[in-house]
Amino acid sequence: MTIVVEAQDEKVLEQIKKQLNKLIDVISVTDFTKKEHVERELVLVKVDYPAKDKDKLDALLVKYIAKVVQRKGNVVIIEAVDEQDKIGS
């Protein structure tokens, strides 16, 4: 499991790491702040849409590099994975 934390300062980050290490199920805690890493954000969205708008929905999926992970009737669950600033816009 990955937990992302935006700590106000180094003391807060150290306290979070100490508390996580006390948990029984935690094997290790790694701080990637100063290490090379890739950050991605995953969003799952449930959308209700009429069947006549399928082409519009498909065009949006291509634009945002998203895909349908489940479709039931007029309801779809869409998955988008990208950098945080691109997902948020």
C-alpha atoms as a PDB file:
ATOM      1  CA  MET A   1       0.000   0.000   0.000  1.00  0.00           C
ATOM      2  CA  THR A   2       1.186   3.507  -0.708  1.00  0.00           C
ATOM      3  CA  ILE A   3       0.270   6.441   1.496  1.00  0.00           C
ATOM      4  CA  VAL A   4       0.991   9.953   0.281  1.00  0.00           C
ATOM      5  CA  VAL A   5       1.539  12.628   2.904  1.00  0.00           C
ATOM      6  CA  GLU A   6       2.160  16.333   2.461  1.00  0.00           C
ATOM      7  CA  ALA A   7       3.904  17.264   5.694  1.00  0.00           C
ATOM      8  CA  GLN A   8       4.329  20.867   6.783  1.00  0.00           C
ATOM      9  CA  ASP A   9       7.908  20.303   7.899  1.00  0.00           C
ATOM     10  CA  GLU A  10      10.491  17.593   8.552  1.00  0.00           C
ATOM     11  CA  LYS A  11       9.408  17.109  12.195  1.00  0.00           C
ATOM     12  CA  VAL A  12       5.853  16.240  11.152  1.00  0.00           C
ATOM     13  CA  LEU A  13       7.124  13.796   8.528  1.00  0.00           C
ATOM     14  CA  GLU A  14       9.385  12.077  11.084  1.00  0.00           C
ATOM     15  CA  GLN A  15       6.468  11.727  13.508  1.00  0.00           C
ATOM     16  CA  ILE A  16       4.296  10.165  10.796  1.00  0.00           C
ATOM     17  CA  LYS A  17       7.038   7.663   9.916  1.00  0.00           C
ATOM     18  CA  LYS A  18       7.513   6.727  13.591  1.00  0.00           C
ATOM     19  CA  GLN A  19       3.786   6.160  14.066  1.00  0.00           C
ATOM     20  CA  LEU A  20       3.547   4.029  10.910  1.00  0.00           C
ATOM     21  CA  ASN A  21       6.503   1.893  11.983  1.00  0.00           C
ATOM     22  CA  LYS A  22       4.706   1.108  15.266  1.00  0.00           C
ATOM     23  CA  LEU A  23       1.835  -0.590  13.414  1.00  0.00           C
ATOM     24  CA  ILE A  24       1.972  -4.390  13.418  1.00  0.00           C
ATOM     25  CA  ASP A  25       1.088  -4.841   9.724  1.00  0.00           C
ATOM     26  CA  VAL A  26       3.720  -2.366   8.499  1.00  0.00           C
ATOM     27  CA  ILE A  27       6.823  -4.071   7.115  1.00  0.00           C
ATOM     28  CA  SER A  28       8.711  -0.944   6.092  1.00  0.00           C
ATOM     29  CA  VAL A  29       8.284   2.793   5.638  1.00  0.00           C
ATOM     30  CA  THR A  30      10.144   4.497   2.812  1.00  0.00           C
ATOM     31  CA  ASP A  31      10.392   8.229   2.216  1.00  0.00           C
ATOM     32  CA  PHE A  32      10.616   8.907  -1.529  1.00  0.00           C
ATOM     33  CA  THR A  33      10.934  12.678  -1.170  1.00  0.00           C
ATOM     34  CA  LYS A  34      14.608  12.773  -2.098  1.00  0.00           C
ATOM     35  CA  LYS A  35      14.634   9.643  -4.281  1.00  0.00           C
ATOM     36  CA  GLU A  36      13.877   9.366  -7.953  1.00  0.00           C
ATOM     37  CA  HIS A  37      10.287   8.220  -8.382  1.00  0.00           C
ATOM     38  CA  VAL A  38       7.224   8.414 -10.617  1.00  0.00           C
ATOM     39  CA  GLU A  39       4.001   9.889  -9.302  1.00  0.00           C
ATOM     40  CA  ARG A  40       0.677   8.920 -10.860  1.00  0.00           C
ATOM     41  CA  GLU A  41      -2.884   9.525  -9.766  1.00  0.00           C
ATOM     42  CA  LEU A  42      -5.800   7.168 -10.306  1.00  0.00           C
ATOM     43  CA  VAL A  43      -9.384   8.379 -10.572  1.00  0.00           C
ATOM     44  CA  LEU A  44     -12.480   6.199 -10.860  1.00  0.00           C
ATOM     45  CA  VAL A  45     -15.668   8.016 -11.896  1.00  0.00           C
ATOM     46  CA  LYS A  46     -19.180   6.607 -12.150  1.00  0.00           C
ATOM     47  CA  VAL A  47     -21.160   8.338 -14.920  1.00  0.00           C
ATOM     48  CA  ASP A  48     -24.781   8.014 -15.966  1.00  0.00           C
ATOM     49  CA  TYR A  49     -25.227   8.836 -19.651  1.00  0.00           C
ATOM     50  CA  PRO A  50     -27.852   8.198 -22.361  1.00  0.00           C
ATOM     51  CA  ALA A  51     -26.894   5.652 -25.028  1.00  0.00           C
ATOM     52  CA  LYS A  52     -27.228   8.337 -27.728  1.00  0.00           C
ATOM     53  CA  ASP A  53     -24.240  10.161 -26.184  1.00  0.00           C
ATOM     54  CA  LYS A  54     -21.868   7.179 -26.471  1.00  0.00           C
ATOM     55  CA  ASP A  55     -19.808   8.897 -29.206  1.00  0.00           C
ATOM     56  CA  LYS A  56     -19.371  12.040 -27.065  1.00  0.00           C
ATOM     57  CA  LEU A  57     -18.285   9.907 -24.120  1.00  0.00           C
ATOM     58  CA  ASP A  58     -15.790   7.996 -26.263  1.00  0.00           C
ATOM     59  CA  ALA A  59     -14.320  11.287 -27.553  1.00  0.00           C
ATOM     60  CA  LEU A  60     -13.796  12.474 -23.968  1.00  0.00           C
ATOM     61  CA  LEU A  61     -12.135   9.190 -23.037  1.00  0.00           C
ATOM     62  CA  VAL A  62      -9.618   9.599 -25.858  1.00  0.00           C
ATOM     63  CA  LYS A  63      -8.946  13.235 -24.890  1.00  0.00           C
ATOM     64  CA  TYR A  64      -8.224  12.388 -21.254  1.00  0.00           C
ATOM     65  CA  ILE A  65      -6.507   9.042 -21.885  1.00  0.00           C
ATOM     66  CA  ALA A  66      -9.181   7.243 -19.890  1.00  0.00           C
ATOM     67  CA  LYS A  67     -10.974   3.951 -20.335  1.00  0.00           C
ATOM     68  CA  VAL A  68     -14.232   2.316 -19.352  1.00  0.00           C
ATOM     69  CA  VAL A  69     -13.665  -0.384 -16.746  1.00  0.00           C
ATOM     70  CA  GLN A  70     -17.332  -1.324 -16.314  1.00  0.00           C
ATOM     71  CA  ARG A  71     -20.498  -0.705 -18.318  1.00  0.00           C
ATOM     72  CA  LYS A  72     -24.006  -1.584 -17.142  1.00  0.00           C
ATOM     73  CA  GLY A  73     -26.887  -0.127 -19.087  1.00  0.00           C
ATOM     74  CA  ASN A  74     -26.510   3.657 -19.104  1.00  0.00           C
ATOM     75  CA  VAL A  75     -23.917   3.685 -16.297  1.00  0.00           C
ATOM     76  CA  VAL A  76     -20.161   3.436 -16.828  1.00  0.00           C
ATOM     77  CA  ILE A  77     -17.204   3.467 -14.484  1.00  0.00           C
ATOM     78  CA  ILE A  78     -14.296   5.334 -16.025  1.00  0.00           C
ATOM     79  CA  GLU A  79     -10.636   4.995 -15.018  1.00  0.00           C
ATOM     80  CA  ALA A  80      -8.104   7.744 -15.647  1.00  0.00           C
ATOM     81  CA  VAL A  81      -4.428   7.517 -14.668  1.00  0.00           C
ATOM     82  CA  ASP A  82      -2.006  10.395 -15.170  1.00  0.00           C
ATOM     83  CA  GLU A  83       0.016  13.079 -13.419  1.00  0.00           C
ATOM     84  CA  GLN A  84      -1.851  14.915 -10.655  1.00  0.00           C
ATOM     85  CA  ASP A  85      -2.070  18.266 -12.446  1.00  0.00           C
ATOM     86  CA  LYS A  86      -3.529  16.639 -15.575  1.00  0.00           C
ATOM     87  CA  ILE A  87      -6.099  14.596 -13.619  1.00  0.00           C
ATOM     88  CA  GLY A  88      -7.254  17.631 -11.646  1.00  0.00           C
ATOM     89  CA  SER A  89      -8.013  19.766 -14.699  1.00  0.00           C
END
